[in-house]
Amino acid sequence: MNKIKQKKIAWLIPLAYLLHLSDEYLTGFPNWFSGTFKVSLSLDDFIIINLTGFTAVIIIALLYTFDKVNNFILASLGTLLFINGLIHIVSSVFTLSYSPGTISGILFYLPLGYLVFKNIFPLLPEQQRSLSAVVGVLIQVVVAIVAFSI
């Protein structure tokens, strides 16, 4: 796979994140999350958490474009997106309600995660593949802990 295609994948991550964030915002994720899990995730908290994440993925895409970060970070982010897409589906099934963000999770996160698994993971040594997947899952866990703790 050529570096140009990898760089396109790097820029699809913040694009997918922005589309997913818009979906969650417009369909009321903070209210759904707060009501479903009996926590207090305000709209401001939701925006701060996601502005931080979005800024990070933009910086990573920029650094990747200029060869300052490697495929490991893209593999980790691809895992994160894929897991987040699955969590929205599972949340909808188990709560018997629509988890805001499920549509964009299905349309953007799952296919982009698959694209990363298919095109970026094979470029990593075996031990880095596993570790990048663990890192992606851990990032999701940290975000969830923050959202549940607010």
C-alpha atoms as a PDB file:
ATOM      1  CA  MET A   1       0.000   0.000   0.000  1.00  0.00           C
ATOM      2  CA  ASN A   2       1.386   3.384  -0.865  1.00  0.00           C
ATOM      3  CA  LYS A   3       1.931   6.240   1.578  1.00  0.00           C
ATOM      4  CA  ILE A   4      -0.618   8.469  -0.175  1.00  0.00           C
ATOM      5  CA  LYS A   5      -3.430   6.012   0.546  1.00  0.00           C
ATOM      6  CA  GLN A   6      -2.278   5.729   4.166  1.00  0.00           C
ATOM      7  CA  LYS A   7      -2.361   9.522   4.484  1.00  0.00           C
ATOM      8  CA  LYS A   8      -5.901   9.579   3.100  1.00  0.00           C
ATOM      9  CA  ILE A   9      -6.885   7.074   5.773  1.00  0.00           C
ATOM     10  CA  ALA A  10      -5.225   9.324   8.370  1.00  0.00           C
ATOM     11  CA  TRP A  11      -7.458  12.213   7.270  1.00  0.00           C
ATOM     12  CA  LEU A  12     -10.589  10.059   7.137  1.00  0.00           C
ATOM     13  CA  ILE A  13     -10.293   9.592  10.901  1.00  0.00           C
ATOM     14  CA  PRO A  14     -10.946  13.240  11.873  1.00  0.00           C
ATOM     15  CA  LEU A  15     -13.590  13.484   9.144  1.00  0.00           C
ATOM     16  CA  ALA A  16     -15.414  10.428  10.514  1.00  0.00           C
ATOM     17  CA  TYR A  17     -15.018  11.786  14.051  1.00  0.00           C
ATOM     18  CA  LEU A  18     -16.553  15.124  13.030  1.00  0.00           C
ATOM     19  CA  LEU A  19     -19.487  13.394  11.321  1.00  0.00           C
ATOM     20  CA  HIS A  20     -19.993  11.117  14.323  1.00  0.00           C
ATOM     21  CA  LEU A  21     -19.756  13.999  16.768  1.00  0.00           C
ATOM     22  CA  SER A  22     -22.318  15.931  14.731  1.00  0.00           C
ATOM     23  CA  ASP A  23     -24.631  12.928  14.756  1.00  0.00           C
ATOM     24  CA  GLU A  24     -24.293  12.534  18.530  1.00  0.00           C
ATOM     25  CA  TYR A  25     -24.812  16.261  19.121  1.00  0.00           C
ATOM     26  CA  LEU A  26     -27.849  16.574  16.845  1.00  0.00           C
ATOM     27  CA  THR A  27     -29.535  13.448  18.212  1.00  0.00           C
ATOM     28  CA  GLY A  28     -28.962  14.290  21.882  1.00  0.00           C
ATOM     29  CA  PHE A  29     -26.242  11.932  23.062  1.00  0.00           C
ATOM     30  CA  PRO A  30     -25.504  13.769  26.353  1.00  0.00           C
ATOM     31  CA  ASN A  31     -29.178  13.598  27.408  1.00  0.00           C
ATOM     32  CA  TRP A  32     -29.517   9.962  26.338  1.00  0.00           C
ATOM     33  CA  PHE A  33     -26.274   8.978  28.078  1.00  0.00           C
ATOM     34  CA  SER A  34     -27.181  10.839  31.272  1.00  0.00           C
ATOM     35  CA  GLY A  35     -30.686   9.398  31.418  1.00  0.00           C
ATOM     36  CA  THR A  36     -29.690   5.873  30.475  1.00  0.00           C
ATOM     37  CA  PHE A  37     -26.738   5.559  32.829  1.00  0.00           C
ATOM     38  CA  LYS A  38     -27.958   7.890  35.597  1.00  0.00           C
ATOM     39  CA  VAL A  39     -24.991  10.244  35.316  1.00  0.00           C
ATOM     40  CA  SER A  40     -24.707  13.949  34.612  1.00  0.00           C
ATOM     41  CA  LEU A  41     -22.973  14.437  31.264  1.00  0.00           C
ATOM     42  CA  SER A  42     -23.771  18.029  30.358  1.00  0.00           C
ATOM     43  CA  LEU A  43     -23.631  19.366  26.833  1.00  0.00           C
ATOM     44  CA  ASP A  44     -20.624  21.467  27.862  1.00  0.00           C
ATOM     45  CA  ASP A  45     -18.821  18.374  29.207  1.00  0.00           C
ATOM     46  CA  PHE A  46     -19.652  16.487  26.016  1.00  0.00           C
ATOM     47  CA  ILE A  47     -18.240  19.336  23.914  1.00  0.00           C
ATOM     48  CA  ILE A  48     -15.059  19.624  26.019  1.00  0.00           C
ATOM     49  CA  ILE A  49     -14.391  15.870  25.879  1.00  0.00           C
ATOM     50  CA  ASN A  50     -14.937  15.742  22.133  1.00  0.00           C
ATOM     51  CA  LEU A  51     -13.136  18.983  21.337  1.00  0.00           C
ATOM     52  CA  THR A  52     -10.115  17.515  23.098  1.00  0.00           C
ATOM     53  CA  GLY A  53     -10.411  14.282  21.120  1.00  0.00           C
ATOM     54  CA  PHE A  54     -11.019  16.034  17.828  1.00  0.00           C
ATOM     55  CA  THR A  55      -8.029  18.317  18.356  1.00  0.00           C
ATOM     56  CA  ALA A  56      -5.882  15.265  19.083  1.00  0.00           C
ATOM     57  CA  VAL A  57      -6.918  13.431  15.898  1.00  0.00           C
ATOM     58  CA  ILE A  58      -6.345  16.546  13.774  1.00  0.00           C
ATOM     59  CA  ILE A  59      -2.847  16.887  15.251  1.00  0.00           C
ATOM     60  CA  ILE A  60      -2.180  13.188  14.650  1.00  0.00           C
ATOM     61  CA  ALA A  61      -3.359  13.439  11.022  1.00  0.00           C
ATOM     62  CA  LEU A  62      -1.108  16.463  10.497  1.00  0.00           C
ATOM     63  CA  LEU A  63       1.873  14.729  12.092  1.00  0.00           C
ATOM     64  CA  TYR A  64       1.196  11.606  10.026  1.00  0.00           C
ATOM     65  CA  THR A  65       1.042  13.681   6.845  1.00  0.00           C
ATOM     66  CA  PHE A  66       4.555  14.944   7.581  1.00  0.00           C
ATOM     67  CA  ASP A  67       5.836  11.490   8.648  1.00  0.00           C
ATOM     68  CA  LYS A  68       6.165  12.467  12.318  1.00  0.00           C
ATOM     69  CA  VAL A  69       4.069   9.570  13.663  1.00  0.00           C
ATOM     70  CA  ASN A  70       3.873   6.005  12.418  1.00  0.00           C
ATOM     71  CA  ASN A  71       1.191   3.462  11.573  1.00  0.00           C
ATOM     72  CA  PHE A  72       0.879   2.337  15.186  1.00  0.00           C
ATOM     73  CA  ILE A  73      -1.155   5.401  16.119  1.00  0.00           C
ATOM     74  CA  LEU A  74      -3.447   4.990  13.088  1.00  0.00           C
ATOM     75  CA  ALA A  75      -4.023   1.362  14.023  1.00  0.00           C
ATOM     76  CA  SER A  76      -4.882   2.421  17.585  1.00  0.00           C
ATOM     77  CA  LEU A  77      -7.313   5.078  16.370  1.00  0.00           C
ATOM     78  CA  GLY A  78      -8.890   2.657  13.897  1.00  0.00           C
ATOM     79  CA  THR A  79      -9.476   0.235  16.761  1.00  0.00           C
ATOM     80  CA  LEU A  80     -10.951   3.029  18.866  1.00  0.00           C
ATOM     81  CA  LEU A  81     -13.410   4.013  16.139  1.00  0.00           C
ATOM     82  CA  PHE A  82     -14.401   0.419  15.437  1.00  0.00           C
ATOM     83  CA  ILE A  83     -14.977  -0.304  19.143  1.00  0.00           C
ATOM     84  CA  ASN A  84     -16.983   2.912  19.563  1.00  0.00           C
ATOM     85  CA  GLY A  85     -19.194   1.964  16.615  1.00  0.00           C
ATOM     86  CA  LEU A  86     -19.810  -1.455  18.169  1.00  0.00           C
ATOM     87  CA  ILE A  87     -20.549   0.089  21.573  1.00  0.00           C
ATOM     88  CA  HIS A  88     -23.314   2.219  20.053  1.00  0.00           C
ATOM     89  CA  ILE A  89     -24.928  -0.853  18.508  1.00  0.00           C
ATOM     90  CA  VAL A  90     -24.617  -2.906  21.701  1.00  0.00           C
ATOM     91  CA  SER A  91     -25.928   0.020  23.783  1.00  0.00           C
ATOM     92  CA  SER A  92     -28.965   0.328  21.531  1.00  0.00           C
ATOM     93  CA  VAL A  93     -29.682  -3.393  21.796  1.00  0.00           C
ATOM     94  CA  PHE A  94     -29.236  -3.667  25.558  1.00  0.00           C
ATOM     95  CA  THR A  95     -31.147  -0.472  26.412  1.00  0.00           C
ATOM     96  CA  LEU A  96     -33.837  -1.099  23.814  1.00  0.00           C
ATOM     97  CA  SER A  97     -33.403   2.511  22.758  1.00  0.00           C
ATOM     98  CA  TYR A  98     -31.544   4.402  20.090  1.00  0.00           C
ATOM     99  CA  SER A  99     -28.032   5.291  21.233  1.00  0.00           C
ATOM    100  CA  PRO A 100     -27.364   8.634  19.517  1.00  0.00           C
ATOM    101  CA  GLY A 101     -24.424   8.142  17.177  1.00  0.00           C
ATOM    102  CA  THR A 102     -25.352   4.610  16.134  1.00  0.00           C
ATOM    103  CA  ILE A 103     -26.066   5.598  12.538  1.00  0.00           C
ATOM    104  CA  SER A 104     -22.711   7.344  12.050  1.00  0.00           C
ATOM    105  CA  GLY A 105     -21.025   4.529  13.973  1.00  0.00           C
ATOM    106  CA  ILE A 106     -22.405   2.052  11.448  1.00  0.00           C
ATOM    107  CA  LEU A 107     -21.885   4.236   8.380  1.00  0.00           C
ATOM    108  CA  PHE A 108     -18.442   5.648   9.195  1.00  0.00           C
ATOM    109  CA  TYR A 109     -16.718   4.080  12.205  1.00  0.00           C
ATOM    110  CA  LEU A 110     -17.185   0.417  11.373  1.00  0.00           C
ATOM    111  CA  PRO A 111     -16.115   0.719   7.708  1.00  0.00           C
ATOM    112  CA  LEU A 112     -13.185   3.000   8.568  1.00  0.00           C
ATOM    113  CA  GLY A 113     -12.103   0.659  11.353  1.00  0.00           C
ATOM    114  CA  TYR A 114     -12.229  -2.203   8.854  1.00  0.00           C
ATOM    115  CA  LEU A 115     -10.216  -0.131   6.364  1.00  0.00           C
ATOM    116  CA  VAL A 116      -7.567   0.435   9.031  1.00  0.00           C
ATOM    117  CA  PHE A 117      -7.534  -3.249  10.008  1.00  0.00           C
ATOM    118  CA  LYS A 118      -7.175  -4.265   6.364  1.00  0.00           C
ATOM    119  CA  ASN A 119      -4.649  -1.655   5.239  1.00  0.00           C
ATOM    120  CA  ILE A 120      -2.715  -0.370   8.253  1.00  0.00           C
ATOM    121  CA  PHE A 121      -2.509  -3.350  10.621  1.00  0.00           C
ATOM    122  CA  PRO A 122      -0.616  -5.540   8.114  1.00  0.00           C
ATOM    123  CA  LEU A 123       2.119  -2.887   7.963  1.00  0.00           C
ATOM    124  CA  LEU A 124       2.867  -3.353  11.672  1.00  0.00           C
ATOM    125  CA  PRO A 125       4.973  -6.089  13.256  1.00  0.00           C
ATOM    126  CA  GLU A 126       2.746  -8.685  14.959  1.00  0.00           C
ATOM    127  CA  GLN A 127       3.403  -7.486  18.514  1.00  0.00           C
ATOM    128  CA  GLN A 128       2.563  -3.900  17.540  1.00  0.00           C
ATOM    129  CA  ARG A 129      -0.737  -5.013  16.021  1.00  0.00           C
ATOM    130  CA  SER A 130      -1.888  -6.457  19.321  1.00  0.00           C
ATOM    131  CA  LEU A 131      -0.575  -3.529  21.328  1.00  0.00           C
ATOM    132  CA  SER A 132      -2.222  -0.957  19.038  1.00  0.00           C
ATOM    133  CA  ALA A 133      -5.552  -2.761  19.455  1.00  0.00           C
ATOM    134  CA  VAL A 134      -5.099  -2.706  23.233  1.00  0.00           C
ATOM    135  CA  VAL A 135      -4.257   1.015  23.116  1.00  0.00           C
ATOM    136  CA  GLY A 136      -7.409   1.728  21.073  1.00  0.00           C
ATOM    137  CA  VAL A 137      -9.551  -0.146  23.591  1.00  0.00           C
ATOM    138  CA  LEU A 138      -7.844   1.613  26.513  1.00  0.00           C
ATOM    139  CA  ILE A 139      -8.524   5.031  24.994  1.00  0.00           C
ATOM    140  CA  GLN A 140     -12.212   4.096  24.751  1.00  0.00           C
ATOM    141  CA  VAL A 141     -12.169   2.939  28.383  1.00  0.00           C
ATOM    142  CA  VAL A 142     -10.576   6.206  29.544  1.00  0.00           C
ATOM    143  CA  VAL A 143     -13.146   8.277  27.641  1.00  0.00           C
ATOM    144  CA  ALA A 144     -15.959   6.201  29.166  1.00  0.00           C
ATOM    145  CA  ILE A 145     -14.528   6.613  32.670  1.00  0.00           C
ATOM    146  CA  VAL A 146     -14.359  10.380  32.172  1.00  0.00           C
ATOM    147  CA  ALA A 147     -17.935  10.510  30.853  1.00  0.00           C
ATOM    148  CA  PHE A 148     -19.228   8.385  33.755  1.00  0.00           C
ATOM    149  CA  SER A 149     -17.280  10.411  36.332  1.00  0.00           C
ATOM    150  CA  ILE A 150     -18.495  13.888  35.445  1.00  0.00           C
END
